[in-house]
């Protein structure tokens, strides 16, 4: 799994951080920061959840 985030689309809702805090964070401007572009397998479910609940569809998973 590889993750891409589009900071231009991000609205700073922070749902990704709530779903997968070890993979996503928010920068000082409130936008998504990708901590782990290729997370460990045990994080896959949380990352999929983050992709689904992102209100601006700023997270893309390449499978």
Protein backbone atom coordinates (compact mmCIF):
# COMPACT_ATOMS: atom_id res chain seq x y z
CA UNK A 1 0.00 0.00 0.00
CA UNK A 2 1.20 3.47 -0.90
CA UNK A 3 -0.56 6.66 0.17
CA UNK A 4 -0.76 10.01 -1.56
CA UNK A 5 -2.32 13.11 -0.03
CA UNK A 6 -3.45 16.24 -1.84
CA UNK A 7 -2.87 19.17 0.51
CA UNK A 8 -4.62 21.47 -1.96
CA UNK A 9 -7.84 19.50 -1.46
CA UNK A 10 -7.46 19.12 2.31
CA UNK A 11 -9.93 21.15 4.41
CA UNK A 12 -8.24 20.42 7.74
CA UNK A 13 -11.07 18.36 9.25
CA UNK A 14 -8.54 16.06 10.96
CA UNK A 15 -10.55 12.88 10.47
CA UNK A 16 -7.50 11.14 9.04
CA UNK A 17 -5.54 11.83 12.22
CA UNK A 18 -8.35 10.43 14.35
CA UNK A 19 -8.48 7.28 12.22
CA UNK A 20 -4.73 6.69 11.79
CA UNK A 21 -2.59 8.93 13.97
CA UNK A 22 0.58 6.98 13.26
CA UNK A 23 0.20 7.65 9.52
CA UNK A 24 -1.34 11.15 9.36
CA UNK A 25 -0.87 14.39 11.26
CA UNK A 26 -1.87 18.01 10.80
CA UNK A 27 0.69 20.71 10.14
CA UNK A 28 0.64 24.13 11.81
CA UNK A 29 -1.66 25.38 9.04
CA UNK A 30 -4.13 22.58 9.88
CA UNK A 31 -3.62 20.61 6.68
CA UNK A 32 -2.79 16.93 6.37
CA UNK A 33 0.78 15.76 6.81
CA UNK A 34 1.71 12.28 5.71
CA UNK A 35 3.96 10.64 8.28
CA UNK A 36 4.21 7.25 6.61
CA UNK A 37 3.64 7.03 2.83
CA UNK A 38 4.04 3.23 2.95
CA UNK A 39 2.54 2.11 6.27
CA UNK A 40 2.94 -1.28 7.88
CA UNK A 41 0.33 -3.88 7.06
CA UNK A 42 -1.25 -3.68 10.52
CA UNK A 43 -2.15 -0.04 9.75
CA UNK A 44 -3.97 -0.81 6.48
CA UNK A 45 -7.48 -0.92 7.98
CA UNK A 46 -7.02 2.42 9.72
CA UNK A 47 -5.64 4.01 6.54
CA UNK A 48 -8.59 2.71 4.50
CA UNK A 49 -10.92 4.18 7.12
CA UNK A 50 -9.13 7.54 6.85
CA UNK A 51 -9.50 7.50 3.08
CA UNK A 52 -13.22 6.77 3.34
CA UNK A 53 -14.02 9.40 5.96
CA UNK A 54 -11.94 12.24 4.51
CA UNK A 55 -14.56 14.89 3.67
CA UNK A 56 -12.51 16.38 0.84
CA UNK A 57 -11.21 13.11 -0.66
CA UNK A 58 -7.64 14.33 -0.18
CA UNK A 59 -6.30 10.84 0.56
CA UNK A 60 -5.59 8.35 -2.20
CA UNK A 61 -4.44 4.79 -1.64
CA UNK A 62 -2.56 3.06 -4.41
CA UNK A 63 -3.08 -0.66 -4.09
